[in-house]
């Protein structure tokens, strides 16, 4: 991993694919974000949760062959931040009969701001995200 002092905030996502249908629809947008320097992928993993609740990891080669090629650009994205305990937690939030992609990424766009704030002695004391469903509900109200 690069110099942590110069990194932006780190986030993670767990994206569930019901019925194990990993379509790759978001892949071009993800590649665009990486190519633009907006984010940097630190870790990427895939899980499969069977109907009986058993969980297994999936490699890029295990997904649909049409996706394995484009996903290959992320092969080797393993910083060590995503560990077995994280995968267990991710598996707990997805439904049986689903697969999931887990991604840890740096918000590279925010690195200059984060560095400047740290240099000035500031520290992040809270963070959060408003779920899209909440925004939709508020817009409909």
N, C-alpha and C. Protein backbone atom coordinates (compact mmCIF):
# COMPACT_ATOMS: atom_id res chain seq x y z
N UNK A 1 0.86 -1.17 0.00
CA UNK A 1 0.00 0.00 0.00
C UNK A 1 0.90 1.23 0.00
N UNK A 2 0.41 2.30 -0.55
CA UNK A 2 1.18 3.53 -0.61
C UNK A 2 1.23 4.20 0.76
N UNK A 3 1.90 5.32 0.82
CA UNK A 3 2.05 6.10 2.04
C UNK A 3 0.68 6.49 2.59
N UNK A 4 0.31 5.92 3.73
CA UNK A 4 -1.00 6.14 4.32
C UNK A 4 -1.23 7.60 4.66
N UNK A 5 -0.18 8.32 5.00
CA UNK A 5 -0.30 9.74 5.35
C UNK A 5 -0.87 10.57 4.20
N UNK A 6 -0.69 10.11 2.97
CA UNK A 6 -1.12 10.88 1.81
C UNK A 6 -2.38 10.33 1.15
N UNK A 7 -3.07 9.44 1.84
CA UNK A 7 -4.26 8.83 1.27
C UNK A 7 -5.52 9.61 1.64
N UNK A 8 -6.53 9.43 0.79
CA UNK A 8 -7.85 9.96 1.09
C UNK A 8 -8.61 8.99 1.96
N UNK A 9 -9.84 9.33 2.31
CA UNK A 9 -10.67 8.45 3.13
C UNK A 9 -10.88 7.10 2.45
N UNK A 10 -10.99 6.07 3.25
CA UNK A 10 -11.19 4.70 2.77
C UNK A 10 -12.62 4.29 3.07
N UNK A 11 -13.30 3.74 2.08
CA UNK A 11 -14.68 3.24 2.23
C UNK A 11 -14.74 1.80 1.75
N UNK A 12 -15.87 1.17 2.05
CA UNK A 12 -16.12 -0.17 1.52
C UNK A 12 -17.57 -0.25 1.05
N UNK A 13 -17.81 -1.18 0.16
CA UNK A 13 -19.15 -1.48 -0.34
C UNK A 13 -19.35 -2.99 -0.33
N UNK A 14 -20.57 -3.40 -0.03
CA UNK A 14 -20.99 -4.78 -0.23
C UNK A 14 -22.19 -4.69 -1.16
N UNK A 15 -22.05 -5.24 -2.36
CA UNK A 15 -23.12 -5.18 -3.36
C UNK A 15 -23.67 -6.58 -3.55
N UNK A 16 -24.97 -6.73 -3.27
CA UNK A 16 -25.63 -8.03 -3.36
C UNK A 16 -26.21 -8.25 -4.75
N UNK A 17 -26.04 -9.48 -5.25
CA UNK A 17 -26.60 -9.88 -6.53
C UNK A 17 -27.56 -11.05 -6.28
N UNK A 18 -28.86 -10.76 -6.15
CA UNK A 18 -29.83 -11.83 -5.91
C UNK A 18 -29.79 -12.87 -7.03
N UNK A 19 -29.97 -14.11 -6.64
CA UNK A 19 -29.98 -15.20 -7.61
C UNK A 19 -28.63 -15.45 -8.24
N UNK A 20 -27.57 -14.95 -7.62
CA UNK A 20 -26.20 -15.14 -8.12
C UNK A 20 -26.00 -14.56 -9.52
N UNK A 21 -26.79 -13.53 -9.87
CA UNK A 21 -26.69 -12.92 -11.21
C UNK A 21 -25.77 -11.70 -11.16
N UNK A 22 -24.48 -11.94 -11.30
CA UNK A 22 -23.52 -10.84 -11.39
C UNK A 22 -23.49 -10.41 -12.84
N UNK A 23 -24.09 -9.26 -13.13
CA UNK A 23 -24.29 -8.86 -14.52
C UNK A 23 -23.14 -8.04 -15.10
N UNK A 24 -22.43 -7.33 -14.24
CA UNK A 24 -21.35 -6.48 -14.75
C UNK A 24 -21.83 -5.13 -15.25
N UNK A 25 -23.12 -4.81 -15.02
CA UNK A 25 -23.66 -3.53 -15.51
C UNK A 25 -22.92 -2.32 -14.94
N UNK A 26 -22.43 -2.43 -13.71
CA UNK A 26 -21.74 -1.30 -13.11
C UNK A 26 -20.25 -1.25 -13.41
N UNK A 27 -19.74 -2.28 -14.04
CA UNK A 27 -18.30 -2.38 -14.28
C UNK A 27 -17.73 -1.23 -15.10
N UNK A 28 -18.34 -0.81 -16.21
CA UNK A 28 -17.78 0.33 -16.95
C UNK A 28 -17.70 1.60 -16.10
N UNK A 29 -18.71 1.85 -15.27
CA UNK A 29 -18.68 3.04 -14.41
C UNK A 29 -17.57 2.93 -13.38
N UNK A 30 -17.36 1.73 -12.85
CA UNK A 30 -16.28 1.52 -11.88
C UNK A 30 -14.92 1.76 -12.53
N UNK A 31 -14.72 1.22 -13.70
CA UNK A 31 -13.46 1.43 -14.42
C UNK A 31 -13.25 2.91 -14.71
N UNK A 32 -14.31 3.61 -15.09
CA UNK A 32 -14.21 5.05 -15.34
C UNK A 32 -13.76 5.81 -14.09
N UNK A 33 -14.31 5.45 -12.93
CA UNK A 33 -13.92 6.10 -11.67
C UNK A 33 -12.44 5.88 -11.36
N UNK A 34 -11.98 4.66 -11.61
CA UNK A 34 -10.57 4.34 -11.37
C UNK A 34 -9.69 5.08 -12.38
N UNK A 35 -10.06 5.02 -13.65
CA UNK A 35 -9.26 5.69 -14.69
C UNK A 35 -9.18 7.20 -14.49
N UNK A 36 -10.24 7.79 -13.95
CA UNK A 36 -10.26 9.24 -13.72
C UNK A 36 -9.50 9.62 -12.45
N UNK A 37 -9.09 8.62 -11.65
CA UNK A 37 -8.39 8.92 -10.41
C UNK A 37 -9.32 9.33 -9.28
N UNK A 38 -10.61 9.11 -9.46
CA UNK A 38 -11.58 9.46 -8.43
C UNK A 38 -11.48 8.50 -7.25
N UNK A 39 -11.34 7.22 -7.55
CA UNK A 39 -11.15 6.21 -6.51
C UNK A 39 -9.98 5.31 -6.88
N UNK A 40 -9.47 4.61 -5.88
CA UNK A 40 -8.44 3.60 -6.11
C UNK A 40 -8.88 2.34 -5.38
N UNK A 41 -9.01 1.23 -6.10
CA UNK A 41 -9.43 -0.03 -5.51
C UNK A 41 -8.28 -0.60 -4.69
N UNK A 42 -8.56 -0.87 -3.42
CA UNK A 42 -7.54 -1.45 -2.55
C UNK A 42 -7.75 -2.95 -2.39
N UNK A 43 -9.00 -3.37 -2.27
CA UNK A 43 -9.33 -4.79 -2.14
C UNK A 43 -10.63 -5.06 -2.88
N UNK A 44 -10.72 -6.25 -3.47
CA UNK A 44 -11.96 -6.67 -4.11
C UNK A 44 -12.10 -8.17 -3.89
N UNK A 45 -13.30 -8.58 -3.47
CA UNK A 45 -13.56 -10.00 -3.24
C UNK A 45 -15.01 -10.29 -3.62
N UNK A 46 -15.29 -11.56 -3.84
CA UNK A 46 -16.64 -11.99 -4.19
C UNK A 46 -17.02 -13.18 -3.32
N UNK A 47 -18.29 -13.22 -2.90
CA UNK A 47 -18.84 -14.30 -2.09
C UNK A 47 -20.07 -14.88 -2.76
N UNK A 48 -20.34 -16.12 -2.40
CA UNK A 48 -21.55 -16.79 -2.84
C UNK A 48 -22.19 -17.41 -1.60
N UNK A 49 -23.46 -17.06 -1.36
CA UNK A 49 -24.19 -17.61 -0.22
C UNK A 49 -25.30 -18.50 -0.76
N UNK A 50 -25.21 -19.76 -0.44
CA UNK A 50 -26.18 -20.74 -0.93
C UNK A 50 -27.50 -20.63 -0.16
N UNK A 51 -28.53 -21.29 -0.67
CA UNK A 51 -29.83 -21.26 -0.02
C UNK A 51 -29.78 -21.82 1.39
N UNK A 52 -28.87 -22.74 1.66
CA UNK A 52 -28.74 -23.32 3.00
C UNK A 52 -27.90 -22.46 3.94
N UNK A 53 -27.43 -21.29 3.45
CA UNK A 53 -26.65 -20.38 4.28
C UNK A 53 -25.15 -20.59 4.21
N UNK A 54 -24.70 -21.65 3.55
CA UNK A 54 -23.25 -21.87 3.44
C UNK A 54 -22.66 -20.82 2.51
N UNK A 55 -21.41 -20.43 2.80
CA UNK A 55 -20.77 -19.34 2.09
C UNK A 55 -19.44 -19.81 1.52
N UNK A 56 -19.14 -19.37 0.31
CA UNK A 56 -17.84 -19.65 -0.29
C UNK A 56 -17.35 -18.40 -1.00
N UNK A 57 -16.04 -18.29 -1.12
CA UNK A 57 -15.49 -17.17 -1.87
C UNK A 57 -15.49 -17.54 -3.34
N UNK A 58 -15.54 -16.53 -4.17
CA UNK A 58 -15.54 -16.72 -5.62
C UNK A 58 -14.33 -15.95 -6.16
N UNK A 59 -13.59 -16.56 -7.04
CA UNK A 59 -12.50 -15.85 -7.68
C UNK A 59 -13.04 -15.19 -8.95
N UNK A 60 -12.28 -14.29 -9.49
CA UNK A 60 -12.69 -13.63 -10.73
C UNK A 60 -12.90 -14.67 -11.82
N UNK A 61 -12.09 -15.71 -11.81
CA UNK A 61 -12.22 -16.76 -12.83
C UNK A 61 -13.51 -17.55 -12.68
N UNK A 62 -14.13 -17.53 -11.47
CA UNK A 62 -15.36 -18.28 -11.21
C UNK A 62 -16.61 -17.58 -11.73
N UNK A 63 -16.52 -16.28 -11.99
CA UNK A 63 -17.70 -15.57 -12.47
C UNK A 63 -17.90 -15.85 -13.96
N UNK A 64 -18.97 -15.35 -14.50
CA UNK A 64 -19.29 -15.51 -15.91
C UNK A 64 -18.06 -15.16 -16.76
N UNK A 65 -17.69 -16.01 -17.71
CA UNK A 65 -16.51 -15.75 -18.54
C UNK A 65 -16.54 -14.39 -19.24
N UNK A 66 -17.72 -13.88 -19.56
CA UNK A 66 -17.81 -12.56 -20.20
C UNK A 66 -17.37 -11.46 -19.24
N UNK A 67 -17.54 -11.68 -17.93
CA UNK A 67 -17.15 -10.69 -16.94
C UNK A 67 -15.72 -10.89 -16.46
N UNK A 68 -15.25 -12.11 -16.50
CA UNK A 68 -13.91 -12.42 -15.97
C UNK A 68 -12.84 -11.58 -16.67
N UNK A 69 -12.99 -11.38 -17.97
CA UNK A 69 -12.01 -10.56 -18.70
C UNK A 69 -11.97 -9.13 -18.21
N UNK A 70 -13.12 -8.41 -18.25
CA UNK A 70 -13.12 -7.03 -17.77
C UNK A 70 -12.77 -6.90 -16.28
N UNK A 71 -13.19 -7.88 -15.47
CA UNK A 71 -12.85 -7.83 -14.05
C UNK A 71 -11.37 -8.08 -13.80
N UNK A 72 -10.72 -8.66 -14.79
CA UNK A 72 -9.30 -8.99 -14.65
C UNK A 72 -8.44 -7.78 -14.33
N UNK A 73 -8.88 -6.57 -14.67
CA UNK A 73 -8.10 -5.38 -14.35
C UNK A 73 -7.99 -5.18 -12.84
N UNK A 74 -8.88 -5.80 -12.08
CA UNK A 74 -8.85 -5.67 -10.62
C UNK A 74 -8.22 -6.88 -9.94
N UNK A 75 -7.78 -7.84 -10.72
CA UNK A 75 -7.14 -9.02 -10.13
C UNK A 75 -5.88 -8.56 -9.41
N UNK A 76 -5.69 -9.05 -8.22
CA UNK A 76 -4.53 -8.65 -7.44
C UNK A 76 -4.79 -7.45 -6.55
N UNK A 77 -6.03 -6.94 -6.55
CA UNK A 77 -6.37 -5.83 -5.65
C UNK A 77 -6.53 -6.40 -4.25
N UNK A 78 -5.42 -6.51 -3.54
CA UNK A 78 -5.41 -7.11 -2.21
C UNK A 78 -4.44 -6.34 -1.32
N UNK A 79 -4.95 -5.32 -0.64
CA UNK A 79 -4.10 -4.51 0.23
C UNK A 79 -3.92 -5.14 1.60
N UNK A 80 -4.81 -6.06 1.95
CA UNK A 80 -4.77 -6.66 3.28
C UNK A 80 -5.77 -6.03 4.23
N UNK A 81 -6.43 -4.95 3.80
CA UNK A 81 -7.45 -4.34 4.67
C UNK A 81 -8.68 -5.23 4.81
N UNK A 82 -9.03 -5.94 3.76
CA UNK A 82 -10.19 -6.83 3.75
C UNK A 82 -9.73 -8.19 4.21
N UNK A 83 -10.20 -8.63 5.39
CA UNK A 83 -9.74 -9.91 5.92
C UNK A 83 -10.91 -10.88 6.07
N UNK A 84 -10.63 -12.06 6.58
CA UNK A 84 -11.65 -13.10 6.71
C UNK A 84 -12.82 -12.66 7.58
N UNK A 85 -12.55 -11.91 8.64
CA UNK A 85 -13.63 -11.42 9.50
C UNK A 85 -14.55 -10.49 8.73
N UNK A 86 -13.98 -9.65 7.87
CA UNK A 86 -14.79 -8.77 7.03
C UNK A 86 -15.67 -9.56 6.08
N UNK A 87 -15.13 -10.63 5.52
CA UNK A 87 -15.92 -11.46 4.61
C UNK A 87 -17.07 -12.14 5.34
N UNK A 88 -16.83 -12.57 6.58
CA UNK A 88 -17.90 -13.16 7.39
C UNK A 88 -19.00 -12.13 7.64
N UNK A 89 -18.61 -10.89 7.97
CA UNK A 89 -19.59 -9.83 8.18
C UNK A 89 -20.36 -9.52 6.91
N UNK A 90 -19.68 -9.50 5.78
CA UNK A 90 -20.35 -9.25 4.49
C UNK A 90 -21.34 -10.36 4.19
N UNK A 91 -20.94 -11.59 4.44
CA UNK A 91 -21.83 -12.73 4.18
C UNK A 91 -23.08 -12.65 5.04
N UNK A 92 -22.96 -12.10 6.24
CA UNK A 92 -24.10 -12.01 7.16
C UNK A 92 -25.17 -11.04 6.66
N UNK A 93 -24.81 -10.08 5.83
CA UNK A 93 -25.79 -9.09 5.39
C UNK A 93 -26.42 -9.42 4.04
N UNK A 94 -25.95 -10.46 3.38
CA UNK A 94 -26.57 -10.82 2.10
C UNK A 94 -27.54 -11.98 2.31
N UNK A 95 -28.53 -12.03 1.46
CA UNK A 95 -29.55 -13.06 1.55
C UNK A 95 -29.05 -14.39 1.00
N UNK A 96 -29.55 -15.51 1.55
CA UNK A 96 -29.25 -16.81 0.95
C UNK A 96 -29.70 -16.80 -0.52
N UNK A 97 -28.96 -17.49 -1.36
CA UNK A 97 -29.28 -17.52 -2.79
C UNK A 97 -28.72 -16.32 -3.53
N UNK A 98 -27.80 -15.59 -2.90
CA UNK A 98 -27.22 -14.39 -3.51
C UNK A 98 -25.71 -14.48 -3.54
N UNK A 99 -25.14 -13.67 -4.39
CA UNK A 99 -23.69 -13.48 -4.41
C UNK A 99 -23.43 -12.03 -4.05
N UNK A 100 -22.18 -11.71 -3.73
CA UNK A 100 -21.86 -10.33 -3.38
C UNK A 100 -20.46 -9.99 -3.84
N UNK A 101 -20.30 -8.74 -4.19
CA UNK A 101 -18.99 -8.17 -4.45
C UNK A 101 -18.65 -7.25 -3.29
N UNK A 102 -17.46 -7.37 -2.76
CA UNK A 102 -17.01 -6.53 -1.66
C UNK A 102 -15.81 -5.74 -2.16
N UNK A 103 -15.84 -4.45 -1.93
CA UNK A 103 -14.77 -3.61 -2.43
C UNK A 103 -14.36 -2.61 -1.36
N UNK A 104 -13.05 -2.50 -1.13
CA UNK A 104 -12.48 -1.47 -0.27
C UNK A 104 -11.76 -0.52 -1.21
N UNK A 105 -12.05 0.78 -1.08
CA UNK A 105 -11.48 1.73 -2.02
C UNK A 105 -11.11 3.03 -1.32
N UNK A 106 -10.11 3.68 -1.89
CA UNK A 106 -9.70 5.00 -1.42
C UNK A 106 -10.45 6.05 -2.22
N UNK A 107 -10.98 7.05 -1.53
CA UNK A 107 -11.56 8.21 -2.19
C UNK A 107 -10.40 9.13 -2.57
N UNK A 108 -9.75 8.79 -3.67
CA UNK A 108 -8.54 9.51 -4.07
C UNK A 108 -8.81 10.99 -4.32
N UNK A 109 -10.00 11.32 -4.77
CA UNK A 109 -10.36 12.71 -5.02
C UNK A 109 -10.23 13.55 -3.76
N UNK A 110 -10.41 12.94 -2.58
CA UNK A 110 -10.40 13.68 -1.33
C UNK A 110 -9.03 13.68 -0.64
N UNK A 111 -8.05 13.03 -1.23
CA UNK A 111 -6.74 12.94 -0.59
C UNK A 111 -6.13 14.31 -0.28
N UNK A 112 -6.11 15.27 -1.22
CA UNK A 112 -5.52 16.57 -0.88
C UNK A 112 -6.21 17.24 0.31
N UNK A 113 -7.53 17.16 0.37
CA UNK A 113 -8.26 17.74 1.48
C UNK A 113 -7.93 17.01 2.78
N UNK A 114 -7.94 15.68 2.74
CA UNK A 114 -7.65 14.89 3.93
C UNK A 114 -6.25 15.17 4.47
N UNK A 115 -5.28 15.25 3.57
CA UNK A 115 -3.89 15.54 3.98
C UNK A 115 -3.81 16.92 4.62
N UNK A 116 -4.44 17.91 4.01
CA UNK A 116 -4.42 19.28 4.55
C UNK A 116 -5.08 19.33 5.93
N UNK A 117 -6.20 18.65 6.08
CA UNK A 117 -6.87 18.65 7.37
C UNK A 117 -6.02 17.97 8.45
N UNK A 118 -5.42 16.82 8.10
CA UNK A 118 -4.55 16.12 9.06
C UNK A 118 -3.37 16.99 9.44
N UNK A 119 -2.78 17.64 8.45
CA UNK A 119 -1.63 18.51 8.70
C UNK A 119 -2.01 19.61 9.69
N UNK A 120 -3.23 20.08 9.64
CA UNK A 120 -3.72 21.12 10.54
C UNK A 120 -4.19 20.58 11.88
N UNK A 121 -4.06 19.28 12.09
CA UNK A 121 -4.44 18.68 13.37
C UNK A 121 -5.87 18.20 13.46
N UNK A 122 -6.63 18.29 12.38
CA UNK A 122 -8.02 17.85 12.40
C UNK A 122 -8.09 16.32 12.34
N UNK A 123 -9.18 15.80 12.87
CA UNK A 123 -9.42 14.37 12.79
C UNK A 123 -10.89 14.11 12.45
N UNK A 124 -11.12 13.09 11.69
CA UNK A 124 -12.48 12.69 11.35
C UNK A 124 -13.09 12.02 12.57
N UNK A 125 -14.22 12.54 13.06
CA UNK A 125 -14.84 11.97 14.25
C UNK A 125 -16.18 11.32 13.95
N UNK A 126 -16.70 11.52 12.76
CA UNK A 126 -17.95 10.86 12.38
C UNK A 126 -18.03 10.85 10.86
N UNK A 127 -18.71 9.86 10.35
CA UNK A 127 -18.90 9.74 8.91
C UNK A 127 -20.18 8.96 8.70
N UNK A 128 -20.77 9.07 7.56
CA UNK A 128 -21.99 8.32 7.29
C UNK A 128 -22.40 8.45 5.84
N UNK A 129 -23.46 7.80 5.53
CA UNK A 129 -23.98 7.81 4.17
C UNK A 129 -25.49 7.76 4.25
N UNK A 130 -26.16 8.56 3.44
CA UNK A 130 -27.61 8.53 3.37
C UNK A 130 -27.99 7.50 2.31
N UNK A 131 -28.71 6.44 2.69
CA UNK A 131 -29.08 5.42 1.70
C UNK A 131 -29.98 6.00 0.60
N UNK A 132 -29.79 5.52 -0.59
CA UNK A 132 -30.59 5.97 -1.73
C UNK A 132 -32.08 5.80 -1.47
N UNK A 133 -32.44 4.70 -0.80
CA UNK A 133 -33.84 4.45 -0.50
C UNK A 133 -34.42 5.58 0.36
N UNK A 134 -33.62 6.12 1.29
CA UNK A 134 -34.08 7.23 2.13
C UNK A 134 -34.28 8.49 1.29
N UNK A 135 -33.39 8.73 0.34
CA UNK A 135 -33.53 9.89 -0.55
C UNK A 135 -34.81 9.76 -1.39
N UNK A 136 -35.03 8.56 -1.92
CA UNK A 136 -36.23 8.33 -2.73
C UNK A 136 -37.49 8.54 -1.90
N UNK A 137 -37.47 8.05 -0.67
CA UNK A 137 -38.64 8.21 0.21
C UNK A 137 -38.88 9.68 0.52
N UNK A 138 -37.80 10.41 0.80
CA UNK A 138 -37.92 11.84 1.11
C UNK A 138 -38.43 12.62 -0.10
N UNK A 139 -37.97 12.26 -1.29
CA UNK A 139 -38.39 12.95 -2.52
C UNK A 139 -39.87 12.68 -2.79
N UNK A 140 -40.33 11.49 -2.42
CA UNK A 140 -41.72 11.13 -2.66
C UNK A 140 -42.67 11.72 -1.63
N UNK A 141 -42.12 12.21 -0.51
CA UNK A 141 -42.98 12.73 0.58
C UNK A 141 -43.38 14.17 0.31
